[in-house]
Structure formats: C-alpha cells, structure tokens
Amino acid sequence: MEPTTHPTHPPKDDPFTAEELAKYDGKDENVPVYVAIKGQIFDVTPKREMYSPGKGYSIFAGKDASRALGMSSLKAEDANADYSTLDEKQMKVLDDWVAYYTKRYNIVGKLVK
C-alpha cells in the first residue's frame, strides 16, 4: 500500500529533551504533533486526527513511543523510550514501525537526555 503522506524535508537532528517533546502532544491545534521512535522525532501533524486527544494513537503524541510500538500496545504506561527488554520479534516490529514512519513523515529532531 502506497503511503498517503511523504516526507517533504530532509531529516533534521535538532535536539529535543523529553520535556520539550511533551509540548507537541496534539492538545494545541496551533502546535505540530510529534512522535519519537528509537530517539528519532517524527512530525505526524499530517495525520493529526489520529494523534489528537481521545484518538487511537494519542498516547504516542509528545513521547518516545518505542516500547509500546514494539509491543503493539496502546497502553499509556507502555508509551516510553525504554525498549531494552523487547524480545527479537518485538524488536522486528519496532524496526518495521521506524521504517513505516520514515517513509511517511518528516524527521524533525532527535531525543536527547
């Protein structure tokens, strides 16, 4: 299936802390929506309707959702950056998500400590 959105800008590596990333959680219509995976921050604003509060993927907005994506989980407690305990199958799922997002969304930065 061909993506309905595509990156329109070269990837950036602007540093974001978790606190800065949290500001891009979809709650303010005037602010872009960002999701991080394995430290890469993607601008998912073109699909804002999926990440807005109360929507299916809202738990990922403004966070590094690596663990939840690898586990195929929509539980808020799983939406965090620590994917160190994922098994081989879950790591494959996570890597597939990175590829999926990379084909569809602009990379706007990287998560830093």
PDB file of N, CA and C in Angstrom:
ATOM      1  N   MET A   1       0.828  -1.175   0.000  1.00  0.00           N
ATOM      2  CA  MET A   1       0.000   0.000   0.000  1.00  0.00           C
ATOM      3  C   MET A   1       0.880   1.250   0.000  1.00  0.00           C
ATOM      4  N   GLU A   2       0.603   2.153  -0.899  1.00  0.00           N
ATOM      5  CA  GLU A   2       1.373   3.387  -1.033  1.00  0.00           C
ATOM      6  C   GLU A   2       1.018   4.344   0.107  1.00  0.00           C
ATOM      7  N   PRO A   3       2.033   4.967   0.745  1.00  0.00           N
ATOM      8  CA  PRO A   3       1.753   5.912   1.821  1.00  0.00           C
ATOM      9  C   PRO A   3       0.913   7.092   1.323  1.00  0.00           C
ATOM     10  N   THR A   4       0.051   7.591   2.178  1.00  0.00           N
ATOM     11  CA  THR A   4      -0.753   8.762   1.823  1.00  0.00           C
ATOM     12  C   THR A   4      -0.029  10.059   2.172  1.00  0.00           C
ATOM     13  N   THR A   5       1.015   9.966   2.978  1.00  0.00           N
ATOM     14  CA  THR A   5       1.854  11.123   3.279  1.00  0.00           C
ATOM     15  C   THR A   5       3.292  10.735   2.978  1.00  0.00           C
ATOM     16  N   HIS A   6       4.118  11.734   2.716  1.00  0.00           N
ATOM     17  CA  HIS A   6       5.535  11.511   2.412  1.00  0.00           C
ATOM     18  C   HIS A   6       6.358  12.601   3.071  1.00  0.00           C
ATOM     19  N   PRO A   7       7.614  12.285   3.420  1.00  0.00           N
ATOM     20  CA  PRO A   7       8.476  13.349   3.936  1.00  0.00           C
ATOM     21  C   PRO A   7       8.646  14.432   2.866  1.00  0.00           C
ATOM     22  N   THR A   8       8.661  15.676   3.282  1.00  0.00           N
ATOM     23  CA  THR A   8       8.828  16.779   2.345  1.00  0.00           C
ATOM     24  C   THR A   8      10.103  17.572   2.612  1.00  0.00           C
ATOM     25  N   HIS A   9      10.828  17.231   3.666  1.00  0.00           N
ATOM     26  CA  HIS A   9      12.055  17.935   4.020  1.00  0.00           C
ATOM     27  C   HIS A   9      13.139  16.920   4.372  1.00  0.00           C
ATOM     28  N   PRO A  10      14.401  17.287   4.178  1.00  0.00           N
ATOM     29  CA  PRO A  10      15.482  16.401   4.622  1.00  0.00           C
ATOM     30  C   PRO A  10      15.408  16.200   6.136  1.00  0.00           C
ATOM     31  N   PRO A  11      15.859  15.043   6.621  1.00  0.00           N
ATOM     32  CA  PRO A  11      15.835  14.804   8.080  1.00  0.00           C
ATOM     33  C   PRO A  11      16.668  15.848   8.829  1.00  0.00           C
ATOM     34  N   LYS A  12      16.182  16.225   9.993  1.00  0.00           N
ATOM     35  CA  LYS A  12      16.909  17.129  10.874  1.00  0.00           C
ATOM     36  C   LYS A  12      17.336  16.350  12.108  1.00  0.00           C
ATOM     37  N   ASP A  13      18.334  16.870  12.802  1.00  0.00           N
ATOM     38  CA  ASP A  13      18.751  16.230  14.053  1.00  0.00           C
ATOM     39  C   ASP A  13      18.748  17.231  15.199  1.00  0.00           C
ATOM     40  N   ASP A  14      17.808  18.192  15.130  1.00  0.00           N
ATOM     41  CA  ASP A  14      17.674  19.160  16.222  1.00  0.00           C
ATOM     42  C   ASP A  14      17.426  18.420  17.536  1.00  0.00           C
ATOM     43  N   PRO A  15      18.142  18.776  18.594  1.00  0.00           N
ATOM     44  CA  PRO A  15      17.958  18.081  19.877  1.00  0.00           C
ATOM     45  C   PRO A  15      16.689  18.518  20.605  1.00  0.00           C
ATOM     46  N   PHE A  16      15.984  17.549  21.144  1.00  0.00           N
ATOM     47  CA  PHE A  16      14.799  17.777  21.968  1.00  0.00           C
ATOM     48  C   PHE A  16      14.961  16.968  23.248  1.00  0.00           C
ATOM     49  N   THR A  17      14.649  17.569  24.377  1.00  0.00           N
ATOM     50  CA  THR A  17      14.560  16.794  25.614  1.00  0.00           C
ATOM     51  C   THR A  17      13.157  16.195  25.673  1.00  0.00           C
ATOM     52  N   ALA A  18      12.947  15.255  26.565  1.00  0.00           N
ATOM     53  CA  ALA A  18      11.613  14.668  26.739  1.00  0.00           C
ATOM     54  C   ALA A  18      10.602  15.750  27.128  1.00  0.00           C
ATOM     55  N   GLU A  19      11.052  16.720  27.930  1.00  0.00           N
ATOM     56  CA  GLU A  19      10.163  17.800  28.356  1.00  0.00           C
ATOM     57  C   GLU A  19       9.755  18.672  27.165  1.00  0.00           C
ATOM     58  N   GLU A  20      10.702  18.943  26.272  1.00  0.00           N
ATOM     59  CA  GLU A  20      10.389  19.735  25.073  1.00  0.00           C
ATOM     60  C   GLU A  20       9.455  18.956  24.143  1.00  0.00           C
ATOM     61  N   LEU A  21       9.740  17.680  23.951  1.00  0.00           N
ATOM     62  CA  LEU A  21       8.911  16.835  23.097  1.00  0.00           C
ATOM     63  C   LEU A  21       7.466  16.787  23.591  1.00  0.00           C
ATOM     64  N   ALA A  22       7.296  16.787  24.899  1.00  0.00           N
ATOM     65  CA  ALA A  22       5.955  16.693  25.504  1.00  0.00           C
ATOM     66  C   ALA A  22       5.042  17.854  25.089  1.00  0.00           C
ATOM     67  N   LYS A  23       5.621  18.965  24.662  1.00  0.00           N
ATOM     68  CA  LYS A  23       4.822  20.124  24.229  1.00  0.00           C
ATOM     69  C   LYS A  23       4.113  19.866  22.903  1.00  0.00           C
ATOM     70  N   TYR A  24       4.520  18.840  22.191  1.00  0.00           N
ATOM     71  CA  TYR A  24       3.987  18.523  20.865  1.00  0.00           C
ATOM     72  C   TYR A  24       3.037  17.327  20.948  1.00  0.00           C
ATOM     73  N   ASP A  25       2.100  17.409  21.894  1.00  0.00           N
ATOM     74  CA  ASP A  25       1.248  16.258  22.222  1.00  0.00           C
ATOM     75  C   ASP A  25      -0.129  16.272  21.556  1.00  0.00           C
ATOM     76  N   GLY A  26      -0.353  17.217  20.646  1.00  0.00           N
ATOM     77  CA  GLY A  26      -1.617  17.254  19.922  1.00  0.00           C
ATOM     78  C   GLY A  26      -2.739  18.000  20.612  1.00  0.00           C
ATOM     79  N   LYS A  27      -2.498  18.516  21.788  1.00  0.00           N
ATOM     80  CA  LYS A  27      -3.568  19.205  22.525  1.00  0.00           C
ATOM     81  C   LYS A  27      -3.823  20.621  22.008  1.00  0.00           C
ATOM     82  N   ASP A  28      -2.797  21.257  21.448  1.00  0.00           N
ATOM     83  CA  ASP A  28      -2.935  22.606  20.908  1.00  0.00           C
ATOM     84  C   ASP A  28      -2.953  22.521  19.387  1.00  0.00           C
ATOM     85  N   GLU A  29      -4.065  22.898  18.784  1.00  0.00           N
ATOM     86  CA  GLU A  29      -4.232  22.825  17.323  1.00  0.00           C
ATOM     87  C   GLU A  29      -3.203  23.663  16.564  1.00  0.00           C
ATOM     88  N   ASN A  30      -2.581  24.620  17.234  1.00  0.00           N
ATOM     89  CA  ASN A  30      -1.615  25.514  16.585  1.00  0.00           C
ATOM     90  C   ASN A  30      -0.177  25.020  16.686  1.00  0.00           C
ATOM     91  N   VAL A  31       0.025  23.871  17.310  1.00  0.00           N
ATOM     92  CA  VAL A  31       1.358  23.309  17.512  1.00  0.00           C
ATOM     93  C   VAL A  31       1.424  21.966  16.785  1.00  0.00           C
ATOM     94  N   PRO A  32       2.538  21.685  16.096  1.00  0.00           N
ATOM     95  CA  PRO A  32       2.658  20.384  15.426  1.00  0.00           C
ATOM     96  C   PRO A  32       2.563  19.223  16.422  1.00  0.00           C
ATOM     97  N   VAL A  33       2.324  18.027  15.892  1.00  0.00           N
ATOM     98  CA  VAL A  33       2.270  16.814  16.710  1.00  0.00           C
ATOM     99  C   VAL A  33       3.500  15.974  16.368  1.00  0.00           C
ATOM    100  N   TYR A  34       4.271  15.615  17.400  1.00  0.00           N
ATOM    101  CA  TYR A  34       5.488  14.833  17.203  1.00  0.00           C
ATOM    102  C   TYR A  34       5.396  13.513  17.958  1.00  0.00           C
ATOM    103  N   VAL A  35       5.994  12.488  17.360  1.00  0.00           N
ATOM    104  CA  VAL A  35       6.145  11.180  17.993  1.00  0.00           C
ATOM    105  C   VAL A  35       7.591  10.757  17.782  1.00  0.00           C
ATOM    106  N   ALA A  36       8.232  10.282  18.840  1.00  0.00           N
ATOM    107  CA  ALA A  36       9.604   9.781  18.726  1.00  0.00           C
ATOM    108  C   ALA A  36       9.596   8.265  18.744  1.00  0.00           C
ATOM    109  N   ILE A  37      10.494   7.694  17.950  1.00  0.00           N
ATOM    110  CA  ILE A  37      10.703   6.247  17.928  1.00  0.00           C
ATOM    111  C   ILE A  37      12.206   6.011  17.870  1.00  0.00           C
ATOM    112  N   LYS A  38      12.704   5.255  18.829  1.00  0.00           N
ATOM    113  CA  LYS A  38      14.138   4.983  18.936  1.00  0.00           C
ATOM    114  C   LYS A  38      14.941   6.284  18.864  1.00  0.00           C
ATOM    115  N   GLY A  39      14.388   7.332  19.491  1.00  0.00           N
ATOM    116  CA  GLY A  39      15.095   8.597  19.586  1.00  0.00           C
ATOM    117  C   GLY A  39      14.914   9.540  18.415  1.00  0.00           C
ATOM    118  N   GLN A  40      14.378   9.071  17.292  1.00  0.00           N
ATOM    119  CA  GLN A  40      14.104   9.943  16.152  1.00  0.00           C
ATOM    120  C   GLN A  40      12.725  10.569  16.335  1.00  0.00           C
ATOM    121  N   ILE A  41      12.613  11.854  16.082  1.00  0.00           N
ATOM    122  CA  ILE A  41      11.341  12.552  16.272  1.00  0.00           C
ATOM    123  C   ILE A  41      10.704  12.821  14.916  1.00  0.00           C
ATOM    124  N   PHE A  42       9.483  12.329  14.779  1.00  0.00           N
ATOM    125  CA  PHE A  42       8.730  12.452  13.533  1.00  0.00           C
ATOM    126  C   PHE A  42       7.603  13.458  13.704  1.00  0.00           C
ATOM    127  N   ASP A  43       7.391  14.279  12.669  1.00  0.00           N
ATOM    128  CA  ASP A  43       6.277  15.227  12.648  1.00  0.00           C
ATOM    129  C   ASP A  43       5.077  14.506  12.035  1.00  0.00           C
ATOM    130  N   VAL A  44       4.141  14.099  12.872  1.00  0.00           N
ATOM    131  CA  VAL A  44       2.962  13.351  12.413  1.00  0.00           C
ATOM    132  C   VAL A  44       1.757  14.271  12.224  1.00  0.00           C
ATOM    133  N   THR A  45       1.999  15.570  12.177  1.00  0.00           N
ATOM    134  CA  THR A  45       0.916  16.548  12.018  1.00  0.00           C
ATOM    135  C   THR A  45       0.022  16.259  10.806  1.00  0.00           C
ATOM    136  N   PRO A  46       0.557  15.764   9.675  1.00  0.00           N
ATOM    137  CA  PRO A  46      -0.344  15.475   8.546  1.00  0.00           C
ATOM    138  C   PRO A  46      -1.465  14.487   8.894  1.00  0.00           C
ATOM    139  N   LYS A  47      -1.270  13.703   9.937  1.00  0.00           N
ATOM    140  CA  LYS A  47      -2.292  12.746  10.395  1.00  0.00           C
ATOM    141  C   LYS A  47      -2.739  13.107  11.813  1.00  0.00           C
ATOM    142  N   ARG A  48      -2.798  14.405  12.094  1.00  0.00           N
ATOM    143  CA  ARG A  48      -3.169  14.904  13.422  1.00  0.00           C
ATOM    144  C   ARG A  48      -4.416  14.212  13.965  1.00  0.00           C
ATOM    145  N   GLU A  49      -5.382  13.954  13.080  1.00  0.00           N
ATOM    146  CA  GLU A  49      -6.642  13.363  13.532  1.00  0.00           C
ATOM    147  C   GLU A  49      -6.448  12.010  14.228  1.00  0.00           C
ATOM    148  N   MET A  50      -5.331  11.337  13.984  1.00  0.00           N
ATOM    149  CA  MET A  50      -5.070  10.041  14.621  1.00  0.00           C
ATOM    150  C   MET A  50      -4.363  10.183  15.970  1.00  0.00           C
ATOM    151  N   TYR A  51      -3.766  11.356  16.212  1.00  0.00           N
ATOM    152  CA  TYR A  51      -2.948  11.563  17.406  1.00  0.00           C
ATOM    153  C   TYR A  51      -3.549  12.572  18.386  1.00  0.00           C
ATOM    154  N   SER A  52      -4.672  13.174  18.034  1.00  0.00           N
ATOM    155  CA  SER A  52      -5.317  14.163  18.900  1.00  0.00           C
ATOM    156  C   SER A  52      -5.852  13.500  20.168  1.00  0.00           C
ATOM    157  N   PRO A  53      -6.026  14.267  21.236  1.00  0.00           N
ATOM    158  CA  PRO A  53      -6.561  13.705  22.485  1.00  0.00           C
ATOM    159  C   PRO A  53      -7.839  12.903  22.242  1.00  0.00           C
ATOM    160  N   GLY A  54      -7.878  11.720  22.825  1.00  0.00           N
ATOM    161  CA  GLY A  54      -9.040  10.847  22.702  1.00  0.00           C
ATOM    162  C   GLY A  54      -9.014   9.936  21.487  1.00  0.00           C
ATOM    163  N   LYS A  55      -8.049  10.125  20.587  1.00  0.00           N
ATOM    164  CA  LYS A  55      -7.956   9.301  19.382  1.00  0.00           C
ATOM    165  C   LYS A  55      -7.033   8.113  19.628  1.00  0.00           C
ATOM    166  N   GLY A  56      -7.058   7.161  18.708  1.00  0.00           N
ATOM    167  CA  GLY A  56      -6.357   5.890  18.872  1.00  0.00           C
ATOM    168  C   GLY A  56      -4.879   5.963  19.213  1.00  0.00           C
ATOM    169  N   TYR A  57      -4.169   6.901  18.583  1.00  0.00           N
ATOM    170  CA  TYR A  57      -2.725   6.970  18.802  1.00  0.00           C
ATOM    171  C   TYR A  57      -2.318   8.146  19.686  1.00  0.00           C
ATOM    172  N   SER A  58      -3.263   8.728  20.391  1.00  0.00           N
ATOM    173  CA  SER A  58      -2.958   9.902  21.214  1.00  0.00           C
ATOM    174  C   SER A  58      -1.926   9.604  22.303  1.00  0.00           C
ATOM    175  N   ILE A  59      -1.842   8.359  22.750  1.00  0.00           N
ATOM    176  CA  ILE A  59      -0.864   8.036  23.804  1.00  0.00           C
ATOM    177  C   ILE A  59       0.573   8.165  23.318  1.00  0.00           C
ATOM    178  N   PHE A  60       0.785   8.160  21.992  1.00  0.00           N
ATOM    179  CA  PHE A  60       2.137   8.292  21.439  1.00  0.00           C
ATOM    180  C   PHE A  60       2.568   9.744  21.282  1.00  0.00           C
ATOM    181  N   ALA A  61       1.606  10.660  21.157  1.00  0.00           N
ATOM    182  CA  ALA A  61       1.891  12.060  20.843  1.00  0.00           C
ATOM    183  C   ALA A  61       2.700  12.730  21.952  1.00  0.00           C
ATOM    184  N   GLY A  62       3.791  13.371  21.547  1.00  0.00           N
ATOM    185  CA  GLY A  62       4.632  14.079  22.500  1.00  0.00           C
ATOM    186  C   GLY A  62       5.537  13.178  23.319  1.00  0.00           C
ATOM    187  N   LYS A  63       5.703  11.925  22.878  1.00  0.00           N
ATOM    188  CA  LYS A  63       6.523  10.961  23.634  1.00  0.00           C
ATOM    189  C   LYS A  63       7.375  10.138  22.684  1.00  0.00           C
ATOM    190  N   ASP A  64       8.354   9.458  23.270  1.00  0.00           N
ATOM    191  CA  ASP A  64       9.040   8.395  22.547  1.00  0.00           C
ATOM    192  C   ASP A  64       8.232   7.135  22.832  1.00  0.00           C
ATOM    193  N   ALA A  65       7.585   6.623  21.809  1.00  0.00           N
ATOM    194  CA  ALA A  65       6.652   5.500  21.952  1.00  0.00           C
ATOM    195  C   ALA A  65       7.284   4.164  21.592  1.00  0.00           C
ATOM    196  N   SER A  66       8.595   4.072  21.615  1.00  0.00           N
ATOM    197  CA  SER A  66       9.303   2.878  21.149  1.00  0.00           C
ATOM    198  C   SER A  66       8.795   1.584  21.782  1.00  0.00           C
ATOM    199  N   ARG A  67       8.739   1.550  23.088  1.00  0.00           N
ATOM    200  CA  ARG A  67       8.335   0.313  23.774  1.00  0.00           C
ATOM    201  C   ARG A  67       6.923  -0.111  23.358  1.00  0.00           C
ATOM    202  N   ALA A  68       5.976   0.822  23.377  1.00  0.00           N
ATOM    203  CA  ALA A  68       4.593   0.498  23.032  1.00  0.00           C
ATOM    204  C   ALA A  68       4.486   0.005  21.590  1.00  0.00           C
ATOM    205  N   LEU A  69       5.188   0.665  20.674  1.00  0.00           N
ATOM    206  CA  LEU A  69       5.128   0.243  19.275  1.00  0.00           C
ATOM    207  C   LEU A  69       5.708  -1.157  19.099  1.00  0.00           C
ATOM    208  N   GLY A  70       6.826  -1.432  19.750  1.00  0.00           N
ATOM    209  CA  GLY A  70       7.421  -2.766  19.662  1.00  0.00           C
ATOM    210  C   GLY A  70       6.527  -3.850  20.232  1.00  0.00           C
ATOM    211  N   MET A  71       5.763  -3.484  21.261  1.00  0.00           N
ATOM    212  CA  MET A  71       4.863  -4.438  21.911  1.00  0.00           C
ATOM    213  C   MET A  71       3.475  -4.464  21.259  1.00  0.00           C
ATOM    214  N   SER A  72       3.261  -3.597  20.264  1.00  0.00           N
ATOM    215  CA  SER A  72       1.928  -3.432  19.662  1.00  0.00           C
ATOM    216  C   SER A  72       0.895  -3.123  20.745  1.00  0.00           C
ATOM    217  N   SER A  73       1.262  -2.198  21.629  1.00  0.00           N
ATOM    218  CA  SER A  73       0.427  -1.845  22.774  1.00  0.00           C
ATOM    219  C   SER A  73      -0.110  -0.429  22.639  1.00  0.00           C
ATOM    220  N   LEU A  74      -1.349  -0.247  23.033  1.00  0.00           N
ATOM    221  CA  LEU A  74      -1.933   1.093  23.100  1.00  0.00           C
ATOM    222  C   LEU A  74      -2.139   1.526  24.551  1.00  0.00           C
ATOM    223  N   LYS A  75      -1.405   0.909  25.475  1.00  0.00           N
ATOM    224  CA  LYS A  75      -1.484   1.270  26.888  1.00  0.00           C
ATOM    225  C   LYS A  75      -0.529   2.432  27.157  1.00  0.00           C
ATOM    226  N   ALA A  76      -1.043   3.459  27.814  1.00  0.00           N
ATOM    227  CA  ALA A  76      -0.245   4.655  28.093  1.00  0.00           C
ATOM    228  C   ALA A  76       1.046   4.319  28.842  1.00  0.00           C
ATOM    229  N   GLU A  77       0.983   3.361  29.760  1.00  0.00           N
ATOM    230  CA  GLU A  77       2.180   3.034  30.543  1.00  0.00           C
ATOM    231  C   GLU A  77       3.290   2.396  29.704  1.00  0.00           C
ATOM    232  N   ASP A  78       2.939   1.879  28.526  1.00  0.00           N
ATOM    233  CA  ASP A  78       3.950   1.282  27.648  1.00  0.00           C
ATOM    234  C   ASP A  78       4.580   2.299  26.703  1.00  0.00           C
ATOM    235  N   ALA A  79       3.999   3.482  26.598  1.00  0.00           N
ATOM    236  CA  ALA A  79       4.498   4.506  25.680  1.00  0.00           C
ATOM    237  C   ALA A  79       5.692   5.213  26.299  1.00  0.00           C
ATOM    238  N   ASN A  80       6.850   4.574  26.208  1.00  0.00           N
ATOM    239  CA  ASN A  80       8.080   5.172  26.713  1.00  0.00           C
ATOM    240  C   ASN A  80       9.264   4.732  25.862  1.00  0.00           C
ATOM    241  N   ALA A  81      10.397   5.361  26.105  1.00  0.00           N
ATOM    242  CA  ALA A  81      11.577   5.177  25.266  1.00  0.00           C
ATOM    243  C   ALA A  81      12.351   3.895  25.550  1.00  0.00           C
ATOM    244  N   ASP A  82      12.092   3.230  26.667  1.00  0.00           N
ATOM    245  CA  ASP A  82      12.897   2.065  27.051  1.00  0.00           C
ATOM    246  C   ASP A  82      12.418   0.807  26.338  1.00  0.00           C
ATOM    247  N   TYR A  83      13.132   0.459  25.282  1.00  0.00           N
ATOM    248  CA  TYR A  83      12.797  -0.762  24.557  1.00  0.00           C
ATOM    249  C   TYR A  83      13.831  -1.863  24.798  1.00  0.00           C
ATOM    250  N   SER A  84      14.623  -1.714  25.844  1.00  0.00           N
ATOM    251  CA  SER A  84      15.720  -2.646  26.128  1.00  0.00           C
ATOM    252  C   SER A  84      15.245  -4.055  26.482  1.00  0.00           C
ATOM    253  N   THR A  85      13.999  -4.197  26.924  1.00  0.00           N
ATOM    254  CA  THR A  85      13.512  -5.522  27.311  1.00  0.00           C
ATOM    255  C   THR A  85      12.690  -6.195  26.203  1.00  0.00           C
ATOM    256  N   LEU A  86      12.594  -5.561  25.045  1.00  0.00           N
ATOM    257  CA  LEU A  86      11.848  -6.187  23.952  1.00  0.00           C
ATOM    258  C   LEU A  86      12.586  -7.413  23.444  1.00  0.00           C
ATOM    259  N   ASP A  87      11.825  -8.450  23.094  1.00  0.00           N
ATOM    260  CA  ASP A  87      12.453  -9.640  22.541  1.00  0.00           C
ATOM    261  C   ASP A  87      12.719  -9.434  21.036  1.00  0.00           C
ATOM    262  N   GLU A  88      13.301 -10.426  20.403  1.00  0.00           N
ATOM    263  CA  GLU A  88      13.702 -10.307  18.997  1.00  0.00           C
ATOM    264  C   GLU A  88      12.507 -10.006  18.082  1.00  0.00           C
ATOM    265  N   LYS A  89      11.401 -10.678  18.310  1.00  0.00           N
ATOM    266  CA  LYS A  89      10.200 -10.455  17.498  1.00  0.00           C
ATOM    267  C   LYS A  89       9.680  -9.025  17.677  1.00  0.00           C
ATOM    268  N   GLN A  90       9.665  -8.550  18.927  1.00  0.00           N
ATOM    269  CA  GLN A  90       9.202  -7.195  19.208  1.00  0.00           C
ATOM    270  C   GLN A  90      10.148  -6.149  18.617  1.00  0.00           C
ATOM    271  N   MET A  91      11.452  -6.431  18.611  1.00  0.00           N
ATOM    272  CA  MET A  91      12.418  -5.518  18.005  1.00  0.00           C
ATOM    273  C   MET A  91      12.169  -5.414  16.493  1.00  0.00           C
ATOM    274  N   LYS A  92      11.821  -6.519  15.862  1.00  0.00           N
ATOM    275  CA  LYS A  92      11.499  -6.503  14.429  1.00  0.00           C
ATOM    276  C   LYS A  92      10.273  -5.620  14.190  1.00  0.00           C
ATOM    277  N   VAL A  93       9.248  -5.765  15.039  1.00  0.00           N
ATOM    278  CA  VAL A  93       8.049  -4.931  14.922  1.00  0.00           C
ATOM    279  C   VAL A  93       8.429  -3.455  15.081  1.00  0.00           C
ATOM    280  N   LEU A  94       9.266  -3.152  16.071  1.00  0.00           N
ATOM    281  CA  LEU A  94       9.699  -1.776  16.305  1.00  0.00           C
ATOM    282  C   LEU A  94      10.449  -1.236  15.094  1.00  0.00           C
ATOM    283  N   ASP A  95      11.362  -2.017  14.552  1.00  0.00           N
ATOM    284  CA  ASP A  95      12.118  -1.579  13.377  1.00  0.00           C
ATOM    285  C   ASP A  95      11.202  -1.370  12.171  1.00  0.00           C
ATOM    286  N   ASP A  96      10.166  -2.200  12.055  1.00  0.00           N
ATOM    287  CA  ASP A  96       9.184  -2.013  10.986  1.00  0.00           C
ATOM    288  C   ASP A  96       8.440  -0.685  11.156  1.00  0.00           C
ATOM    289  N   TRP A  97       8.148  -0.313  12.404  1.00  0.00           N
ATOM    290  CA  TRP A  97       7.496   0.974  12.658  1.00  0.00           C
ATOM    291  C   TRP A  97       8.411   2.128  12.280  1.00  0.00           C
ATOM    292  N   VAL A  98       9.695   2.010  12.592  1.00  0.00           N
ATOM    293  CA  VAL A  98      10.643   3.066  12.215  1.00  0.00           C
ATOM    294  C   VAL A  98      10.635   3.227  10.693  1.00  0.00           C
ATOM    295  N   ALA A  99      10.668   2.128   9.967  1.00  0.00           N
ATOM    296  CA  ALA A  99      10.648   2.191   8.503  1.00  0.00           C
ATOM    297  C   ALA A  99       9.345   2.818   8.007  1.00  0.00           C
ATOM    298  N   TYR A 100       8.233   2.438   8.626  1.00  0.00           N
ATOM    299  CA  TYR A 100       6.920   2.968   8.254  1.00  0.00           C
ATOM    300  C   TYR A 100       6.882   4.484   8.424  1.00  0.00           C
ATOM    301  N   TYR A 101       7.289   4.959   9.593  1.00  0.00           N
ATOM    302  CA  TYR A 101       7.268   6.401   9.871  1.00  0.00           C
ATOM    303  C   TYR A 101       8.249   7.148   8.979  1.00  0.00           C
ATOM    304  N   THR A 102       9.416   6.566   8.725  1.00  0.00           N
ATOM    305  CA  THR A 102      10.433   7.210   7.899  1.00  0.00           C
ATOM    306  C   THR A 102       9.928   7.458   6.480  1.00  0.00           C
ATOM    307  N   LYS A 103       9.122   6.553   5.961  1.00  0.00           N
ATOM    308  CA  LYS A 103       8.566   6.705   4.617  1.00  0.00           C
ATOM    309  C   LYS A 103       7.458   7.742   4.558  1.00  0.00           C
ATOM    310  N   ARG A 104       6.868   8.068   5.694  1.00  0.00           N
ATOM    311  CA  ARG A 104       5.663   8.890   5.705  1.00  0.00           C
ATOM    312  C   ARG A 104       5.807  10.287   6.300  1.00  0.00           C
ATOM    313  N   TYR A 105       6.740  10.457   7.224  1.00  0.00           N
ATOM    314  CA  TYR A 105       6.787  11.705   7.983  1.00  0.00           C
ATOM    315  C   TYR A 105       8.183  12.314   7.995  1.00  0.00           C
ATOM    316  N   ASN A 106       8.225  13.634   8.140  1.00  0.00           N
ATOM    317  CA  ASN A 106       9.494  14.337   8.278  1.00  0.00           C
ATOM    318  C   ASN A 106      10.118  14.023   9.630  1.00  0.00           C
ATOM    319  N   ILE A 107      11.414  13.830   9.631  1.00  0.00           N
ATOM    320  CA  ILE A 107      12.177  13.689  10.879  1.00  0.00           C
ATOM    321  C   ILE A 107      12.623  15.097  11.259  1.00  0.00           C
ATOM    322  N   VAL A 108      12.192  15.540  12.437  1.00  0.00           N
ATOM    323  CA  VAL A 108      12.420  16.915  12.843  1.00  0.00           C
ATOM    324  C   VAL A 108      13.456  17.062  13.955  1.00  0.00           C
ATOM    325  N   GLY A 109      13.923  15.946  14.487  1.00  0.00           N
ATOM    326  CA  GLY A 109      14.897  16.041  15.547  1.00  0.00           C
ATOM    327  C   GLY A 109      15.222  14.707  16.156  1.00  0.00           C
ATOM    328  N   LYS A 110      15.983  14.788  17.238  1.00  0.00           N
ATOM    329  CA  LYS A 110      16.345  13.579  17.986  1.00  0.00           C
ATOM    330  C   LYS A 110      16.178  13.857  19.469  1.00  0.00           C
ATOM    331  N   LEU A 111      15.837  12.817  20.175  1.00  0.00           N
ATOM    332  CA  LEU A 111      15.644  12.911  21.609  1.00  0.00           C
ATOM    333  C   LEU A 111      16.986  12.849  22.309  1.00  0.00           C
ATOM    334  N   VAL A 112      17.214  13.784  23.213  1.00  0.00           N
ATOM    335  CA  VAL A 112      18.455  13.816  23.992  1.00  0.00           C
ATOM    336  C   VAL A 112      18.111  13.787  25.468  1.00  0.00           C
ATOM    337  N   LYS A 113      19.062  13.375  26.271  1.00  0.00           N
ATOM    338  CA  LYS A 113      18.837  13.295  27.717  1.00  0.00           C
ATOM    339  C   LYS A 113      19.051  14.641  28.364  1.00  0.00           C
TER     340      LYS A 113
END
